[in-house]
Amino acid sequence: NPHYSPETSVKVTLLNFAITPTGLEDQMLGIVVAKERPDLEEQKNELVVQNAKMNKDLKEIEDDILKLLATSDGDVLADD
C-alpha cells in the first residue's frame, strides 16, 4: 500500500481493486442472506466457527502423530 501524508489520507479513500468476481459475489450473497434470512446467516457463522475449530483440532492431531512417528524406536506398529 502506498504511504501518504496524514493530511492527504484524511481527504481520500483508498480502494483495493484486487477483489475477484467470486469474492464479490460471496459478499453480496452474504448481505442478501443476512437481510432476508438472518437465521441462515447465524447458522453459517456457527458452521464457520466449527470448521475453524475442527481444522485446528486436525492440525494438532497431525502434529501429535508426526511427533510419535519421529520419536518411535523400531517397529512403528508395535510401539504403544
N, C-alpha and C. Protein backbone atom coordinates (compact mmCIF):
# COMPACT_ATOMS: atom_id res chain seq x y z
N ASN A 1 0.83 -1.18 0.00
CA ASN A 1 0.00 0.00 0.00
C ASN A 1 0.88 1.25 0.00
N PRO A 2 0.49 2.21 -0.78
CA PRO A 2 1.27 3.45 -0.78
C PRO A 2 1.07 4.21 0.52
N HIS A 3 2.07 5.00 0.87
CA HIS A 3 2.00 5.80 2.09
C HIS A 3 1.83 7.26 1.72
N TYR A 4 0.84 7.89 2.30
CA TYR A 4 0.56 9.30 2.05
C TYR A 4 0.64 10.05 3.36
N SER A 5 0.79 11.35 3.25
CA SER A 5 0.85 12.17 4.46
C SER A 5 -0.50 12.12 5.16
N PRO A 6 -0.53 12.37 6.46
CA PRO A 6 -1.80 12.33 7.19
C PRO A 6 -2.85 13.28 6.61
N GLU A 7 -2.41 14.45 6.12
CA GLU A 7 -3.35 15.40 5.54
C GLU A 7 -4.03 14.83 4.31
N THR A 8 -3.27 14.12 3.49
CA THR A 8 -3.83 13.51 2.28
C THR A 8 -4.70 12.32 2.64
N SER A 9 -4.27 11.52 3.60
CA SER A 9 -5.02 10.32 3.99
C SER A 9 -6.41 10.67 4.50
N VAL A 10 -6.54 11.80 5.16
CA VAL A 10 -7.84 12.21 5.70
C VAL A 10 -8.78 12.60 4.56
N LYS A 11 -8.24 13.11 3.47
CA LYS A 11 -9.07 13.63 2.38
C LYS A 11 -9.44 12.59 1.32
N VAL A 12 -8.78 11.44 1.31
CA VAL A 12 -9.04 10.46 0.26
C VAL A 12 -9.42 9.11 0.87
N THR A 13 -10.00 8.27 0.04
CA THR A 13 -10.32 6.90 0.43
C THR A 13 -9.59 5.97 -0.51
N LEU A 14 -8.79 5.06 0.05
CA LEU A 14 -8.06 4.11 -0.78
C LEU A 14 -8.96 2.91 -1.07
N LEU A 15 -8.96 2.49 -2.32
CA LEU A 15 -9.76 1.34 -2.73
C LEU A 15 -8.83 0.21 -3.13
N ASN A 16 -9.22 -0.99 -2.74
CA ASN A 16 -8.48 -2.18 -3.13
C ASN A 16 -9.24 -2.84 -4.28
N PHE A 17 -8.66 -2.80 -5.47
CA PHE A 17 -9.32 -3.35 -6.65
C PHE A 17 -8.93 -4.80 -6.90
N ALA A 18 -8.36 -5.46 -5.93
CA ALA A 18 -7.88 -6.83 -6.10
C ALA A 18 -8.97 -7.87 -5.83
N ILE A 19 -10.20 -7.46 -5.67
CA ILE A 19 -11.27 -8.41 -5.38
C ILE A 19 -11.63 -9.19 -6.65
N THR A 20 -11.94 -10.43 -6.45
CA THR A 20 -12.32 -11.28 -7.58
C THR A 20 -13.84 -11.26 -7.75
N PRO A 21 -14.33 -11.58 -8.93
CA PRO A 21 -15.79 -11.64 -9.10
C PRO A 21 -16.45 -12.65 -8.14
N THR A 22 -15.79 -13.77 -7.89
CA THR A 22 -16.34 -14.76 -6.98
C THR A 22 -16.41 -14.21 -5.56
N GLY A 23 -15.35 -13.50 -5.14
CA GLY A 23 -15.35 -12.90 -3.81
C GLY A 23 -16.43 -11.86 -3.66
N LEU A 24 -16.63 -11.05 -4.70
CA LEU A 24 -17.67 -10.03 -4.67
C LEU A 24 -19.05 -10.68 -4.63
N GLU A 25 -19.23 -11.76 -5.39
CA GLU A 25 -20.49 -12.49 -5.38
C GLU A 25 -20.79 -13.06 -4.00
N ASP A 26 -19.77 -13.62 -3.35
CA ASP A 26 -19.95 -14.17 -2.00
C ASP A 26 -20.34 -13.08 -1.00
N GLN A 27 -19.70 -11.91 -1.12
CA GLN A 27 -20.02 -10.81 -0.22
C GLN A 27 -21.46 -10.33 -0.43
N MET A 28 -21.85 -10.19 -1.67
CA MET A 28 -23.21 -9.73 -1.97
C MET A 28 -24.25 -10.75 -1.50
N LEU A 29 -23.97 -12.03 -1.73
CA LEU A 29 -24.88 -13.08 -1.27
C LEU A 29 -25.00 -13.06 0.25
N GLY A 30 -23.89 -12.84 0.93
CA GLY A 30 -23.91 -12.76 2.39
C GLY A 30 -24.77 -11.61 2.89
N ILE A 31 -24.70 -10.49 2.21
CA ILE A 31 -25.50 -9.32 2.60
C ILE A 31 -26.99 -9.61 2.40
N VAL A 32 -27.33 -10.20 1.25
CA VAL A 32 -28.73 -10.51 0.96
C VAL A 32 -29.28 -11.53 1.96
N VAL A 33 -28.50 -12.58 2.23
CA VAL A 33 -28.95 -13.61 3.17
C VAL A 33 -29.11 -13.01 4.57
N ALA A 34 -28.18 -12.15 4.97
CA ALA A 34 -28.26 -11.53 6.30
C ALA A 34 -29.53 -10.68 6.43
N LYS A 35 -29.94 -10.04 5.35
CA LYS A 35 -31.14 -9.20 5.39
C LYS A 35 -32.42 -10.05 5.36
N GLU A 36 -32.45 -11.05 4.46
CA GLU A 36 -33.68 -11.80 4.26
C GLU A 36 -33.84 -12.99 5.21
N ARG A 37 -32.73 -13.63 5.56
CA ARG A 37 -32.79 -14.82 6.43
C ARG A 37 -31.67 -14.75 7.47
N PRO A 38 -31.83 -13.91 8.47
CA PRO A 38 -30.78 -13.78 9.49
C PRO A 38 -30.49 -15.10 10.21
N ASP A 39 -31.50 -15.99 10.29
CA ASP A 39 -31.28 -17.28 10.93
C ASP A 39 -30.26 -18.11 10.14
N LEU A 40 -30.34 -18.06 8.81
CA LEU A 40 -29.38 -18.78 7.99
C LEU A 40 -27.98 -18.18 8.09
N GLU A 41 -27.92 -16.87 8.18
CA GLU A 41 -26.62 -16.20 8.32
C GLU A 41 -25.97 -16.59 9.64
N GLU A 42 -26.77 -16.66 10.71
CA GLU A 42 -26.24 -17.06 12.01
C GLU A 42 -25.77 -18.51 11.97
N GLN A 43 -26.54 -19.37 11.31
CA GLN A 43 -26.15 -20.78 11.18
C GLN A 43 -24.85 -20.90 10.39
N LYS A 44 -24.70 -20.10 9.33
CA LYS A 44 -23.47 -20.13 8.54
C LYS A 44 -22.28 -19.69 9.39
N ASN A 45 -22.48 -18.65 10.18
CA ASN A 45 -21.39 -18.17 11.04
C ASN A 45 -20.98 -19.24 12.06
N GLU A 46 -21.96 -19.94 12.61
CA GLU A 46 -21.66 -21.02 13.56
C GLU A 46 -20.88 -22.14 12.87
N LEU A 47 -21.27 -22.46 11.64
CA LEU A 47 -20.56 -23.50 10.89
C LEU A 47 -19.13 -23.09 10.57
N VAL A 48 -18.93 -21.82 10.28
CA VAL A 48 -17.57 -21.33 10.01
C VAL A 48 -16.71 -21.48 11.25
N VAL A 49 -17.26 -21.14 12.41
CA VAL A 49 -16.51 -21.27 13.67
C VAL A 49 -16.21 -22.74 13.96
N GLN A 50 -17.21 -23.61 13.76
CA GLN A 50 -16.99 -25.05 13.99
C GLN A 50 -15.92 -25.59 13.04
N ASN A 51 -15.96 -25.15 11.78
CA ASN A 51 -14.99 -25.60 10.80
C ASN A 51 -13.58 -25.17 11.21
N ALA A 52 -13.43 -23.95 11.67
CA ALA A 52 -12.13 -23.47 12.11
C ALA A 52 -11.62 -24.29 13.30
N LYS A 53 -12.51 -24.60 14.25
CA LYS A 53 -12.10 -25.40 15.41
C LYS A 53 -11.68 -26.80 14.98
N MET A 54 -12.45 -27.40 14.06
CA MET A 54 -12.11 -28.74 13.59
C MET A 54 -10.78 -28.75 12.84
N ASN A 55 -10.52 -27.71 12.07
CA ASN A 55 -9.23 -27.62 11.37
C ASN A 55 -8.08 -27.49 12.36
N LYS A 56 -8.31 -26.74 13.43
CA LYS A 56 -7.28 -26.61 14.48
C LYS A 56 -7.05 -27.95 15.16
N ASP A 57 -8.13 -28.65 15.49
CA ASP A 57 -8.01 -29.97 16.12
C ASP A 57 -7.28 -30.95 15.20
N LEU A 58 -7.62 -30.92 13.91
CA LEU A 58 -6.97 -31.80 12.94
C LEU A 58 -5.47 -31.53 12.88
N LYS A 59 -5.10 -30.27 12.88
CA LYS A 59 -3.68 -29.90 12.85
C LYS A 59 -2.96 -30.41 14.09
N GLU A 60 -3.60 -30.29 15.25
CA GLU A 60 -2.99 -30.79 16.49
C GLU A 60 -2.83 -32.31 16.45
N ILE A 61 -3.82 -33.02 15.94
CA ILE A 61 -3.74 -34.48 15.83
C ILE A 61 -2.63 -34.88 14.87
N GLU A 62 -2.56 -34.18 13.73
CA GLU A 62 -1.49 -34.48 12.77
C GLU A 62 -0.11 -34.24 13.39
N ASP A 63 0.03 -33.14 14.13
CA ASP A 63 1.31 -32.86 14.80
C ASP A 63 1.65 -33.94 15.82
N ASP A 64 0.65 -34.41 16.57
CA ASP A 64 0.88 -35.48 17.55
C ASP A 64 1.33 -36.77 16.86
N ILE A 65 0.69 -37.10 15.75
CA ILE A 65 1.07 -38.31 15.01
C ILE A 65 2.49 -38.20 14.49
N LEU A 66 2.82 -37.04 13.92
CA LEU A 66 4.18 -36.85 13.41
C LEU A 66 5.21 -36.91 14.53
N LYS A 67 4.87 -36.36 15.69
CA LYS A 67 5.78 -36.41 16.84
C LYS A 67 5.99 -37.86 17.28
N LEU A 68 4.90 -38.63 17.35
CA LEU A 68 5.02 -40.03 17.75
C LEU A 68 5.85 -40.83 16.74
N LEU A 69 5.65 -40.56 15.46
CA LEU A 69 6.43 -41.24 14.44
C LEU A 69 7.91 -40.87 14.51
N ALA A 70 8.18 -39.60 14.81
CA ALA A 70 9.58 -39.16 14.87
C ALA A 70 10.31 -39.70 16.08
N THR A 71 9.58 -39.94 17.18
CA THR A 71 10.24 -40.39 18.42
C THR A 71 10.13 -41.89 18.63
N SER A 72 9.49 -42.59 17.71
CA SER A 72 9.32 -44.04 17.92
C SER A 72 10.62 -44.77 17.60
N ASP A 73 10.83 -45.85 18.30
CA ASP A 73 12.02 -46.70 18.09
C ASP A 73 11.57 -48.03 17.50
N GLY A 74 12.27 -48.49 16.48
CA GLY A 74 11.96 -49.79 15.91
C GLY A 74 10.70 -49.80 15.10
N ASP A 75 9.90 -50.85 15.28
CA ASP A 75 8.67 -51.02 14.52
C ASP A 75 7.61 -50.05 15.01
N VAL A 76 7.11 -49.23 14.13
CA VAL A 76 6.12 -48.21 14.49
C VAL A 76 4.81 -48.88 14.92
N LEU A 77 4.45 -49.96 14.27
CA LEU A 77 3.19 -50.63 14.60
C LEU A 77 3.21 -51.32 15.96
N ALA A 78 4.38 -51.67 16.45
CA ALA A 78 4.49 -52.33 17.75
C ALA A 78 4.62 -51.34 18.89
N ASP A 79 4.85 -50.05 18.57
CA ASP A 79 5.04 -49.03 19.60
C ASP A 79 3.69 -48.65 20.21
N ASP A 80 3.58 -48.70 21.55
CA ASP A 80 2.33 -48.31 22.22
C ASP A 80 2.42 -46.88 22.56
